[in-house]
mmCIF file of all heavy atoms, coordinates in Angstrom:
data_MODEL
# 
_entry.id   MODEL 
# 
loop_
_atom_site.group_PDB 
_atom_site.id 
_atom_site.type_symbol 
_atom_site.label_atom_id 
_atom_site.label_alt_id 
_atom_site.label_comp_id 
_atom_site.label_asym_id 
_atom_site.label_entity_id 
_atom_site.label_seq_id 
_atom_site.pdbx_PDB_ins_code 
_atom_site.Cartn_x 
_atom_site.Cartn_y 
_atom_site.Cartn_z 
_atom_site.occupancy 
_atom_site.B_iso_or_equiv 
_atom_site.pdbx_formal_charge 
_atom_site.auth_seq_id 
_atom_site.auth_comp_id 
_atom_site.auth_asym_id 
_atom_site.auth_atom_id 
_atom_site.pdbx_PDB_model_num 
ATOM 1   N N   . ASP A 1 1  ? -30.928 -0.065 181.770 1.00 0.00 ? 1  ASP A N   1 
ATOM 2   C CA  . ASP A 1 1  ? -30.092 -0.857 180.867 1.00 0.00 ? 1  ASP A CA  1 
ATOM 3   C C   . ASP A 1 1  ? -28.687 -0.274 180.717 1.00 0.00 ? 1  ASP A C   1 
ATOM 4   O O   . ASP A 1 1  ? -27.746 -0.981 180.351 1.00 0.00 ? 1  ASP A O   1 
ATOM 5   C CB  . ASP A 1 1  ? -30.748 -0.971 179.488 1.00 0.00 ? 1  ASP A CB  1 
ATOM 6   C CG  . ASP A 1 1  ? -31.883 -1.988 179.485 1.00 0.00 ? 1  ASP A CG  1 
ATOM 7   O OD1 . ASP A 1 1  ? -32.067 -2.673 180.518 1.00 0.00 ? 1  ASP A OD1 1 
ATOM 8   O OD2 . ASP A 1 1  ? -32.592 -2.093 178.467 1.00 0.00 ? 1  ASP A OD2 1 
ATOM 9   N N   . ASP A 1 2  ? -28.540 1.044  180.978 1.00 0.00 ? 2  ASP A N   1 
ATOM 10  C CA  . ASP A 1 2  ? -27.220 1.648  180.852 1.00 0.00 ? 2  ASP A CA  1 
ATOM 11  C C   . ASP A 1 2  ? -26.300 1.274  182.012 1.00 0.00 ? 2  ASP A C   1 
ATOM 12  O O   . ASP A 1 2  ? -25.091 1.482  181.940 1.00 0.00 ? 2  ASP A O   1 
ATOM 13  C CB  . ASP A 1 2  ? -27.335 3.170  180.764 1.00 0.00 ? 2  ASP A CB  1 
ATOM 14  C CG  . ASP A 1 2  ? -28.110 3.754  181.934 1.00 0.00 ? 2  ASP A CG  1 
ATOM 15  O OD1 . ASP A 1 2  ? -28.994 3.054  182.469 1.00 0.00 ? 2  ASP A OD1 1 
ATOM 16  O OD2 . ASP A 1 2  ? -27.826 4.901  182.325 1.00 0.00 ? 2  ASP A OD2 1 
ATOM 17  N N   . LEU A 1 3  ? -26.889 0.720  183.097 1.00 0.00 ? 3  LEU A N   1 
ATOM 18  C CA  . LEU A 1 3  ? -26.079 0.231  184.222 1.00 0.00 ? 3  LEU A CA  1 
ATOM 19  C C   . LEU A 1 3  ? -25.821 -1.257 184.001 1.00 0.00 ? 3  LEU A C   1 
ATOM 20  O O   . LEU A 1 3  ? -26.702 -2.087 184.203 1.00 0.00 ? 3  LEU A O   1 
ATOM 21  C CB  . LEU A 1 3  ? -26.808 0.465  185.547 1.00 0.00 ? 3  LEU A CB  1 
ATOM 22  C CG  . LEU A 1 3  ? -27.145 1.921  185.893 1.00 0.00 ? 3  LEU A CG  1 
ATOM 23  C CD1 . LEU A 1 3  ? -27.912 1.989  187.203 1.00 0.00 ? 3  LEU A CD1 1 
ATOM 24  C CD2 . LEU A 1 3  ? -25.880 2.762  185.959 1.00 0.00 ? 3  LEU A CD2 1 
ATOM 25  N N   . LYS A 1 4  ? -24.618 -1.594 183.581 1.00 0.00 ? 4  LYS A N   1 
ATOM 26  C CA  . LYS A 1 4  ? -24.331 -2.967 183.186 1.00 0.00 ? 4  LYS A CA  1 
ATOM 27  C C   . LYS A 1 4  ? -24.303 -3.919 184.374 1.00 0.00 ? 4  LYS A C   1 
ATOM 28  O O   . LYS A 1 4  ? -24.714 -5.074 184.278 1.00 0.00 ? 4  LYS A O   1 
ATOM 29  C CB  . LYS A 1 4  ? -23.000 -3.012 182.441 1.00 0.00 ? 4  LYS A CB  1 
ATOM 30  C CG  . LYS A 1 4  ? -23.001 -2.189 181.147 1.00 0.00 ? 4  LYS A CG  1 
ATOM 31  C CD  . LYS A 1 4  ? -21.648 -2.257 180.461 1.00 0.00 ? 4  LYS A CD  1 
ATOM 32  C CE  . LYS A 1 4  ? -21.661 -1.427 179.177 1.00 0.00 ? 4  LYS A CE  1 
ATOM 33  N NZ  . LYS A 1 4  ? -20.344 -1.466 178.479 1.00 0.00 ? 4  LYS A NZ  1 
ATOM 34  N N   . ASP A 1 5  ? -23.789 -3.435 185.499 1.00 0.00 ? 5  ASP A N   1 
ATOM 35  C CA  . ASP A 1 5  ? -23.696 -4.289 186.676 1.00 0.00 ? 5  ASP A CA  1 
ATOM 36  C C   . ASP A 1 5  ? -23.675 -3.407 187.917 1.00 0.00 ? 5  ASP A C   1 
ATOM 37  O O   . ASP A 1 5  ? -23.752 -2.177 187.837 1.00 0.00 ? 5  ASP A O   1 
ATOM 38  C CB  . ASP A 1 5  ? -22.454 -5.185 186.609 1.00 0.00 ? 5  ASP A CB  1 
ATOM 39  C CG  . ASP A 1 5  ? -21.187 -4.387 186.292 1.00 0.00 ? 5  ASP A CG  1 
ATOM 40  O OD1 . ASP A 1 5  ? -21.115 -3.208 186.692 1.00 0.00 ? 5  ASP A OD1 1 
ATOM 41  O OD2 . ASP A 1 5  ? -20.286 -4.940 185.634 1.00 0.00 ? 5  ASP A OD2 1 
ATOM 42  N N   . ALA A 1 6  ? -23.570 -4.065 189.081 1.00 0.00 ? 6  ALA A N   1 
ATOM 43  C CA  . ALA A 1 6  ? -23.589 -3.324 190.342 1.00 0.00 ? 6  ALA A CA  1 
ATOM 44  C C   . ALA A 1 6  ? -22.381 -2.400 190.473 1.00 0.00 ? 6  ALA A C   1 
ATOM 45  O O   . ALA A 1 6  ? -22.475 -1.325 191.069 1.00 0.00 ? 6  ALA A O   1 
ATOM 46  C CB  . ALA A 1 6  ? -23.644 -4.295 191.518 1.00 0.00 ? 6  ALA A CB  1 
ATOM 47  N N   . VAL A 1 7  ? -21.246 -2.811 189.901 1.00 0.00 ? 7  VAL A N   1 
ATOM 48  C CA  . VAL A 1 7  ? -20.035 -1.984 190.003 1.00 0.00 ? 7  VAL A CA  1 
ATOM 49  C C   . VAL A 1 7  ? -20.223 -0.652 189.285 1.00 0.00 ? 7  VAL A C   1 
ATOM 50  O O   . VAL A 1 7  ? -19.886 0.415  189.806 1.00 0.00 ? 7  VAL A O   1 
ATOM 51  C CB  . VAL A 1 7  ? -18.827 -2.747 189.419 1.00 0.00 ? 7  VAL A CB  1 
ATOM 52  C CG1 . VAL A 1 7  ? -17.593 -1.850 189.411 1.00 0.00 ? 7  VAL A CG1 1 
ATOM 53  C CG2 . VAL A 1 7  ? -18.557 -4.012 190.227 1.00 0.00 ? 7  VAL A CG2 1 
ATOM 54  N N   . SER A 1 8  ? -20.790 -0.701 188.079 1.00 0.00 ? 8  SER A N   1 
ATOM 55  C CA  . SER A 1 8  ? -21.030 0.546  187.347 1.00 0.00 ? 8  SER A CA  1 
ATOM 56  C C   . SER A 1 8  ? -22.079 1.396  188.046 1.00 0.00 ? 8  SER A C   1 
ATOM 57  O O   . SER A 1 8  ? -21.999 2.627  188.042 1.00 0.00 ? 8  SER A O   1 
ATOM 58  C CB  . SER A 1 8  ? -21.468 0.235  185.915 1.00 0.00 ? 8  SER A CB  1 
ATOM 59  O OG  . SER A 1 8  ? -22.690 -0.490 185.905 1.00 0.00 ? 8  SER A OG  1 
ATOM 60  N N   . ALA A 1 9  ? -23.070 0.752  188.673 1.00 0.00 ? 9  ALA A N   1 
ATOM 61  C CA  . ALA A 1 9  ? -24.092 1.496  189.419 1.00 0.00 ? 9  ALA A CA  1 
ATOM 62  C C   . ALA A 1 9  ? -23.473 2.211  190.614 1.00 0.00 ? 9  ALA A C   1 
ATOM 63  O O   . ALA A 1 9  ? -23.793 3.366  190.902 1.00 0.00 ? 9  ALA A O   1 
ATOM 64  C CB  . ALA A 1 9  ? -25.203 0.560  189.867 1.00 0.00 ? 9  ALA A CB  1 
ATOM 65  N N   . VAL A 1 10 ? -22.565 1.521  191.315 1.00 0.00 ? 10 VAL A N   1 
ATOM 66  C CA  . VAL A 1 10 ? -21.897 2.141  192.458 1.00 0.00 ? 10 VAL A CA  1 
ATOM 67  C C   . VAL A 1 10 ? -21.036 3.317  191.994 1.00 0.00 ? 10 VAL A C   1 
ATOM 68  O O   . VAL A 1 10 ? -21.038 4.390  192.613 1.00 0.00 ? 10 VAL A O   1 
ATOM 69  C CB  . VAL A 1 10 ? -21.042 1.102  193.207 1.00 0.00 ? 10 VAL A CB  1 
ATOM 70  C CG1 . VAL A 1 10 ? -20.161 1.788  194.252 1.00 0.00 ? 10 VAL A CG1 1 
ATOM 71  C CG2 . VAL A 1 10 ? -21.932 0.067  193.889 1.00 0.00 ? 10 VAL A CG2 1 
ATOM 72  N N   . GLY A 1 11 ? -20.310 3.132  190.899 1.00 0.00 ? 11 GLY A N   1 
ATOM 73  C CA  . GLY A 1 11 ? -19.496 4.223  190.373 1.00 0.00 ? 11 GLY A CA  1 
ATOM 74  C C   . GLY A 1 11 ? -20.331 5.425  189.982 1.00 0.00 ? 11 GLY A C   1 
ATOM 75  O O   . GLY A 1 11 ? -19.944 6.574  190.231 1.00 0.00 ? 11 GLY A O   1 
ATOM 76  N N   . PHE A 1 12 ? -21.492 5.172  189.380 1.00 0.00 ? 12 PHE A N   1 
ATOM 77  C CA  . PHE A 1 12 ? -22.401 6.249  189.003 1.00 0.00 ? 12 PHE A CA  1 
ATOM 78  C C   . PHE A 1 12 ? -22.861 7.007  190.242 1.00 0.00 ? 12 PHE A C   1 
ATOM 79  O O   . PHE A 1 12 ? -22.906 8.244  190.257 1.00 0.00 ? 12 PHE A O   1 
ATOM 80  C CB  . PHE A 1 12 ? -23.597 5.647  188.261 1.00 0.00 ? 12 PHE A CB  1 
ATOM 81  C CG  . PHE A 1 12 ? -24.528 6.653  187.660 1.00 0.00 ? 12 PHE A CG  1 
ATOM 82  C CD1 . PHE A 1 12 ? -24.278 7.206  186.412 1.00 0.00 ? 12 PHE A CD1 1 
ATOM 83  C CD2 . PHE A 1 12 ? -25.665 7.052  188.341 1.00 0.00 ? 12 PHE A CD2 1 
ATOM 84  C CE1 . PHE A 1 12 ? -25.148 8.142  185.863 1.00 0.00 ? 12 PHE A CE1 1 
ATOM 85  C CE2 . PHE A 1 12 ? -26.529 7.986  187.800 1.00 0.00 ? 12 PHE A CE2 1 
ATOM 86  C CZ  . PHE A 1 12 ? -26.272 8.526  186.557 1.00 0.00 ? 12 PHE A CZ  1 
ATOM 87  N N   . ALA A 1 13 ? -23.197 6.253  191.294 1.00 0.00 ? 13 ALA A N   1 
ATOM 88  C CA  . ALA A 1 13 ? -23.691 6.879  192.526 1.00 0.00 ? 13 ALA A CA  1 
ATOM 89  C C   . ALA A 1 13 ? -22.607 7.690  193.217 1.00 0.00 ? 13 ALA A C   1 
ATOM 90  O O   . ALA A 1 13 ? -22.883 8.749  193.784 1.00 0.00 ? 13 ALA A O   1 
ATOM 91  C CB  . ALA A 1 13 ? -24.240 5.814  193.467 1.00 0.00 ? 13 ALA A CB  1 
ATOM 92  N N   . MET A 1 14 ? -21.374 7.204  193.192 1.00 0.00 ? 14 MET A N   1 
ATOM 93  C CA  . MET A 1 14 ? -20.283 7.907  193.866 1.00 0.00 ? 14 MET A CA  1 
ATOM 94  C C   . MET A 1 14 ? -20.063 9.299  193.282 1.00 0.00 ? 14 MET A C   1 
ATOM 95  O O   . MET A 1 14 ? -19.544 10.195 193.946 1.00 0.00 ? 14 MET A O   1 
ATOM 96  C CB  . MET A 1 14 ? -18.996 7.091  193.766 1.00 0.00 ? 14 MET A CB  1 
ATOM 97  C CG  . MET A 1 14 ? -18.989 5.834  194.613 1.00 0.00 ? 14 MET A CG  1 
ATOM 98  S SD  . MET A 1 14 ? -19.044 6.190  196.387 1.00 0.00 ? 14 MET A SD  1 
ATOM 99  C CE  . MET A 1 14 ? -18.917 4.530  197.064 1.00 0.00 ? 14 MET A CE  1 
ATOM 100 N N   . GLU A 1 15 ? -20.442 9.496  192.038 1.00 0.00 ? 15 GLU A N   1 
ATOM 101 C CA  . GLU A 1 15 ? -20.266 10.796 191.395 1.00 0.00 ? 15 GLU A CA  1 
ATOM 102 C C   . GLU A 1 15 ? -21.468 11.715 191.567 1.00 0.00 ? 15 GLU A C   1 
ATOM 103 O O   . GLU A 1 15 ? -21.338 12.933 191.427 1.00 0.00 ? 15 GLU A O   1 
ATOM 104 C CB  . GLU A 1 15 ? -20.002 10.602 189.900 1.00 0.00 ? 15 GLU A CB  1 
ATOM 105 C CG  . GLU A 1 15 ? -18.717 9.842  189.587 1.00 0.00 ? 15 GLU A CG  1 
ATOM 106 C CD  . GLU A 1 15 ? -18.534 9.625  188.100 1.00 0.00 ? 15 GLU A CD  1 
ATOM 107 O OE1 . GLU A 1 15 ? -19.442 10.023 187.324 1.00 0.00 ? 15 GLU A OE1 1 
ATOM 108 O OE2 . GLU A 1 15 ? -17.506 9.052  187.696 1.00 0.00 ? 15 GLU A OE2 1 
ATOM 109 N N   . ARG A 1 16 ? -22.637 11.139 191.905 1.00 0.00 ? 16 ARG A N   1 
ATOM 110 C CA  . ARG A 1 16 ? -23.858 11.935 191.845 1.00 0.00 ? 16 ARG A CA  1 
ATOM 111 C C   . ARG A 1 16 ? -24.608 12.050 193.169 1.00 0.00 ? 16 ARG A C   1 
ATOM 112 O O   . ARG A 1 16 ? -25.404 12.976 193.326 1.00 0.00 ? 16 ARG A O   1 
ATOM 113 C CB  . ARG A 1 16 ? -24.818 11.333 190.806 1.00 0.00 ? 16 ARG A CB  1 
ATOM 114 C CG  . ARG A 1 16 ? -24.285 11.309 189.396 1.00 0.00 ? 16 ARG A CG  1 
ATOM 115 C CD  . ARG A 1 16 ? -25.255 10.624 188.463 1.00 0.00 ? 16 ARG A CD  1 
ATOM 116 N NE  . ARG A 1 16 ? -26.515 11.343 188.370 1.00 0.00 ? 16 ARG A NE  1 
ATOM 117 C CZ  . ARG A 1 16 ? -26.774 12.280 187.454 1.00 0.00 ? 16 ARG A CZ  1 
ATOM 118 N NH1 . ARG A 1 16 ? -25.863 12.590 186.573 1.00 0.00 ? 16 ARG A NH1 1 
ATOM 119 N NH2 . ARG A 1 16 ? -27.944 12.881 187.431 1.00 0.00 ? 16 ARG A NH2 1 
ATOM 120 N N   . ARG A 1 17 ? -24.379 11.138 194.096 1.00 0.00 ? 17 ARG A N   1 
ATOM 121 C CA  . ARG A 1 17 ? -25.188 11.159 195.316 1.00 0.00 ? 17 ARG A CA  1 
ATOM 122 C C   . ARG A 1 17 ? -25.004 12.477 196.062 1.00 0.00 ? 17 ARG A C   1 
ATOM 123 O O   . ARG A 1 17 ? -23.892 12.829 196.477 1.00 0.00 ? 17 ARG A O   1 
ATOM 124 C CB  . ARG A 1 17 ? -24.798 9.997  196.215 1.00 0.00 ? 17 ARG A CB  1 
ATOM 125 C CG  . ARG A 1 17 ? -25.473 8.689  195.881 1.00 0.00 ? 17 ARG A CG  1 
ATOM 126 C CD  . ARG A 1 17 ? -26.867 8.592  196.449 1.00 0.00 ? 17 ARG A CD  1 
ATOM 127 N NE  . ARG A 1 17 ? -26.878 8.516  197.871 1.00 0.00 ? 17 ARG A NE  1 
ATOM 128 C CZ  . ARG A 1 17 ? -27.040 7.387  198.554 1.00 0.00 ? 17 ARG A CZ  1 
ATOM 129 N NH1 . ARG A 1 17 ? -27.199 6.231  197.911 1.00 0.00 ? 17 ARG A NH1 1 
ATOM 130 N NH2 . ARG A 1 17 ? -27.061 7.383  199.866 1.00 0.00 ? 17 ARG A NH2 1 
ATOM 131 N N   . PRO A 1 18 ? -26.085 13.237 196.271 1.00 0.00 ? 18 PRO A N   1 
ATOM 132 C CA  . PRO A 1 18 ? -25.941 14.543 196.927 1.00 0.00 ? 18 PRO A CA  1 
ATOM 133 C C   . PRO A 1 18 ? -25.510 14.451 198.386 1.00 0.00 ? 18 PRO A C   1 
ATOM 134 O O   . PRO A 1 18 ? -24.839 15.356 198.884 1.00 0.00 ? 18 PRO A O   1 
ATOM 135 C CB  . PRO A 1 18 ? -27.341 15.166 196.782 1.00 0.00 ? 18 PRO A CB  1 
ATOM 136 C CG  . PRO A 1 18 ? -28.257 14.022 196.545 1.00 0.00 ? 18 PRO A CG  1 
ATOM 137 C CD  . PRO A 1 18 ? -27.458 12.992 195.811 1.00 0.00 ? 18 PRO A CD  1 
ATOM 138 N N   . ASP A 1 19 ? -25.891 13.363 199.092 1.00 0.00 ? 19 ASP A N   1 
ATOM 139 C CA  . ASP A 1 19 ? -25.447 13.242 200.479 1.00 0.00 ? 19 ASP A CA  1 
ATOM 140 C C   . ASP A 1 19 ? -23.940 13.034 200.548 1.00 0.00 ? 19 ASP A C   1 
ATOM 141 O O   . ASP A 1 19 ? -23.274 13.548 201.455 1.00 0.00 ? 19 ASP A O   1 
ATOM 142 C CB  . ASP A 1 19 ? -26.188 12.119 201.188 1.00 0.00 ? 19 ASP A CB  1 
ATOM 143 C CG  . ASP A 1 19 ? -26.076 10.790 200.467 1.00 0.00 ? 19 ASP A CG  1 
ATOM 144 O OD1 . ASP A 1 19 ? -25.777 10.775 199.262 1.00 0.00 ? 19 ASP A OD1 1 
ATOM 145 O OD2 . ASP A 1 19 ? -26.310 9.743  201.116 1.00 0.00 ? 19 ASP A OD2 1 
ATOM 146 N N   . LEU A 1 20 ? -23.379 12.296 199.582 1.00 0.00 ? 20 LEU A N   1 
ATOM 147 C CA  . LEU A 1 20 ? -21.931 12.118 199.532 1.00 0.00 ? 20 LEU A CA  1 
ATOM 148 C C   . LEU A 1 20 ? -21.241 13.417 199.130 1.00 0.00 ? 20 LEU A C   1 
ATOM 149 O O   . LEU A 1 20 ? -20.187 13.778 199.688 1.00 0.00 ? 20 LEU A O   1 
ATOM 150 C CB  . LEU A 1 20 ? -21.584 10.992 198.558 1.00 0.00 ? 20 LEU A CB  1 
ATOM 151 C CG  . LEU A 1 20 ? -20.099 10.631 198.427 1.00 0.00 ? 20 LEU A CG  1 
ATOM 152 C CD1 . LEU A 1 20 ? -19.506 10.285 199.787 1.00 0.00 ? 20 LEU A CD1 1 
ATOM 153 C CD2 . LEU A 1 20 ? -19.923 9.466  197.461 1.00 0.00 ? 20 LEU A CD2 1 
ATOM 154 N N   . LEU A 1 21 ? -21.834 14.142 198.176 1.00 0.00 ? 21 LEU A N   1 
ATOM 155 C CA  . LEU A 1 21 ? -21.276 15.440 197.794 1.00 0.00 ? 21 LEU A CA  1 
ATOM 156 C C   . LEU A 1 21 ? -21.300 16.410 198.965 1.00 0.00 ? 21 LEU A C   1 
ATOM 157 O O   . LEU A 1 21 ? -20.348 17.185 199.171 1.00 0.00 ? 21 LEU A O   1 
ATOM 158 C CB  . LEU A 1 21 ? -22.055 16.020 196.606 1.00 0.00 ? 21 LEU A CB  1 
ATOM 159 C CG  . LEU A 1 21 ? -21.967 15.245 195.288 1.00 0.00 ? 21 LEU A CG  1 
ATOM 160 C CD1 . LEU A 1 21 ? -22.837 15.917 194.231 1.00 0.00 ? 21 LEU A CD1 1 
ATOM 161 C CD2 . LEU A 1 21 ? -20.524 15.160 194.810 1.00 0.00 ? 21 LEU A CD2 1 
ATOM 162 N N   . ALA A 1 22 ? -22.379 16.383 199.750 1.00 0.00 ? 22 ALA A N   1 
ATOM 163 C CA  . ALA A 1 22 ? -22.469 17.255 200.922 1.00 0.00 ? 22 ALA A CA  1 
ATOM 164 C C   . ALA A 1 22 ? -21.397 16.896 201.941 1.00 0.00 ? 22 ALA A C   1 
ATOM 165 O O   . ALA A 1 22 ? -20.765 17.778 202.538 1.00 0.00 ? 22 ALA A O   1 
ATOM 166 C CB  . ALA A 1 22 ? -23.862 17.145 201.543 1.00 0.00 ? 22 ALA A CB  1 
ATOM 167 N N   . ALA A 1 23 ? -21.188 15.597 202.164 1.00 0.00 ? 23 ALA A N   1 
ATOM 168 C CA  . ALA A 1 23 ? -20.171 15.168 203.125 1.00 0.00 ? 23 ALA A CA  1 
ATOM 169 C C   . ALA A 1 23 ? -18.778 15.589 202.671 1.00 0.00 ? 23 ALA A C   1 
ATOM 170 O O   . ALA A 1 23 ? -17.958 16.057 203.477 1.00 0.00 ? 23 ALA A O   1 
ATOM 171 C CB  . ALA A 1 23 ? -20.239 13.648 203.308 1.00 0.00 ? 23 ALA A CB  1 
ATOM 172 N N   . ARG A 1 24 ? -18.495 15.424 201.392 1.00 0.00 ? 24 ARG A N   1 
ATOM 173 C CA  . ARG A 1 24 ? -17.185 15.828 200.874 1.00 0.00 ? 24 ARG A CA  1 
ATOM 174 C C   . ARG A 1 24 ? -16.990 17.339 200.964 1.00 0.00 ? 24 ARG A C   1 
ATOM 175 O O   . ARG A 1 24 ? -15.899 17.825 201.288 1.00 0.00 ? 24 ARG A O   1 
ATOM 176 C CB  . ARG A 1 24 ? -17.044 15.371 199.424 1.00 0.00 ? 24 ARG A CB  1 
ATOM 177 C CG  . ARG A 1 24 ? -16.900 13.852 199.269 1.00 0.00 ? 24 ARG A CG  1 
ATOM 178 C CD  . ARG A 1 24 ? -16.998 13.433 197.818 1.00 0.00 ? 24 ARG A CD  1 
ATOM 179 N NE  . ARG A 1 24 ? -16.772 11.990 197.647 1.00 0.00 ? 24 ARG A NE  1 
ATOM 180 C CZ  . ARG A 1 24 ? -17.013 11.319 196.531 1.00 0.00 ? 24 ARG A CZ  1 
ATOM 181 N NH1 . ARG A 1 24 ? -17.497 11.962 195.462 1.00 0.00 ? 24 ARG A NH1 1 
ATOM 182 N NH2 . ARG A 1 24 ? -16.776 10.027 196.463 1.00 0.00 ? 24 ARG A NH2 1 
ATOM 183 N N   . THR A 1 25 ? -18.047 18.101 200.684 1.00 0.00 ? 25 THR A N   1 
ATOM 184 C CA  . THR A 1 25 ? -17.945 19.559 200.761 1.00 0.00 ? 25 THR A CA  1 
ATOM 185 C C   . THR A 1 25 ? -17.726 20.011 202.201 1.00 0.00 ? 25 THR A C   1 
ATOM 186 O O   . THR A 1 25 ? -16.920 20.916 202.464 1.00 0.00 ? 25 THR A O   1 
ATOM 187 C CB  . THR A 1 25 ? -19.210 20.208 200.189 1.00 0.00 ? 25 THR A CB  1 
ATOM 188 O OG1 . THR A 1 25 ? -19.432 19.756 198.857 1.00 0.00 ? 25 THR A OG1 1 
ATOM 189 C CG2 . THR A 1 25 ? -19.085 21.718 200.183 1.00 0.00 ? 25 THR A CG2 1 
ATOM 190 N N   . ARG A 1 26 ? -18.402 19.358 203.127 1.00 0.00 ? 26 ARG A N   1 
ATOM 191 C CA  . ARG A 1 26 ? -18.226 19.728 204.537 1.00 0.00 ? 26 ARG A CA  1 
ATOM 192 C C   . ARG A 1 26 ? -16.836 19.336 205.041 1.00 0.00 ? 26 ARG A C   1 
ATOM 193 O O   . ARG A 1 26 ? -16.295 19.993 205.935 1.00 0.00 ? 26 ARG A O   1 
ATOM 194 C CB  . ARG A 1 26 ? -19.316 19.082 205.381 1.00 0.00 ? 26 ARG A CB  1 
ATOM 195 C CG  . ARG A 1 26 ? -20.664 19.757 205.216 1.00 0.00 ? 26 ARG A CG  1 
ATOM 196 C CD  . ARG A 1 26 ? -21.618 19.460 206.353 1.00 0.00 ? 26 ARG A CD  1 
ATOM 197 N NE  . ARG A 1 26 ? -22.732 20.404 206.304 1.00 0.00 ? 26 ARG A NE  1 
ATOM 198 C CZ  . ARG A 1 26 ? -23.832 20.241 205.580 1.00 0.00 ? 26 ARG A CZ  1 
ATOM 199 N NH1 . ARG A 1 26 ? -23.959 19.131 204.858 1.00 0.00 ? 26 ARG A NH1 1 
ATOM 200 N NH2 . ARG A 1 26 ? -24.791 21.140 205.564 1.00 0.00 ? 26 ARG A NH2 1 
ATOM 201 N N   . TYR A 1 27 ? -16.280 18.284 204.469 1.00 0.00 ? 27 TYR A N   1 
ATOM 202 C CA  . TYR A 1 27 ? -14.898 17.936 204.821 1.00 0.00 ? 27 TYR A CA  1 
ATOM 203 C C   . TYR A 1 27 ? -13.945 19.024 204.330 1.00 0.00 ? 27 TYR A C   1 
ATOM 204 O O   . TYR A 1 27 ? -13.041 19.457 205.063 1.00 0.00 ? 27 TYR A O   1 
ATOM 205 C CB  . TYR A 1 27 ? -14.546 16.583 204.217 1.00 0.00 ? 27 TYR A CB  1 
ATOM 206 C CG  . TYR A 1 27 ? -13.105 16.172 204.396 1.00 0.00 ? 27 TYR A CG  1 
ATOM 207 C CD1 . TYR A 1 27 ? -12.471 16.298 205.637 1.00 0.00 ? 27 TYR A CD1 1 
ATOM 208 C CD2 . TYR A 1 27 ? -12.373 15.666 203.326 1.00 0.00 ? 27 TYR A CD2 1 
ATOM 209 C CE1 . TYR A 1 27 ? -11.147 15.930 205.801 1.00 0.00 ? 27 TYR A CE1 1 
ATOM 210 C CE2 . TYR A 1 27 ? -11.045 15.292 203.482 1.00 0.00 ? 27 TYR A CE2 1 
ATOM 211 C CZ  . TYR A 1 27 ? -10.445 15.425 204.714 1.00 0.00 ? 27 TYR A CZ  1 
ATOM 212 O OH  . TYR A 1 27 ? -9.129  15.056 204.877 1.00 0.00 ? 27 TYR A OH  1 
ATOM 213 N N   . ALA A 1 28 ? -14.156 19.488 203.104 1.00 0.00 ? 28 ALA A N   1 
ATOM 214 C CA  . ALA A 1 28 ? -13.332 20.585 202.584 1.00 0.00 ? 28 ALA A CA  1 
ATOM 215 C C   . ALA A 1 28 ? -13.528 21.850 203.411 1.00 0.00 ? 28 ALA A C   1 
ATOM 216 O O   . ALA A 1 28 ? -12.570 22.594 203.681 1.00 0.00 ? 28 ALA A O   1 
ATOM 217 C CB  . ALA A 1 28 ? -13.686 20.845 201.121 1.00 0.00 ? 28 ALA A CB  1 
# 
């Protein structure tokens, strides 16, 4: 219920997804 729509869900995932965090860290 705290995810109001797909946009907020995507934003939440962009901050927390570990595979994305790993990719960003490997880029750095």
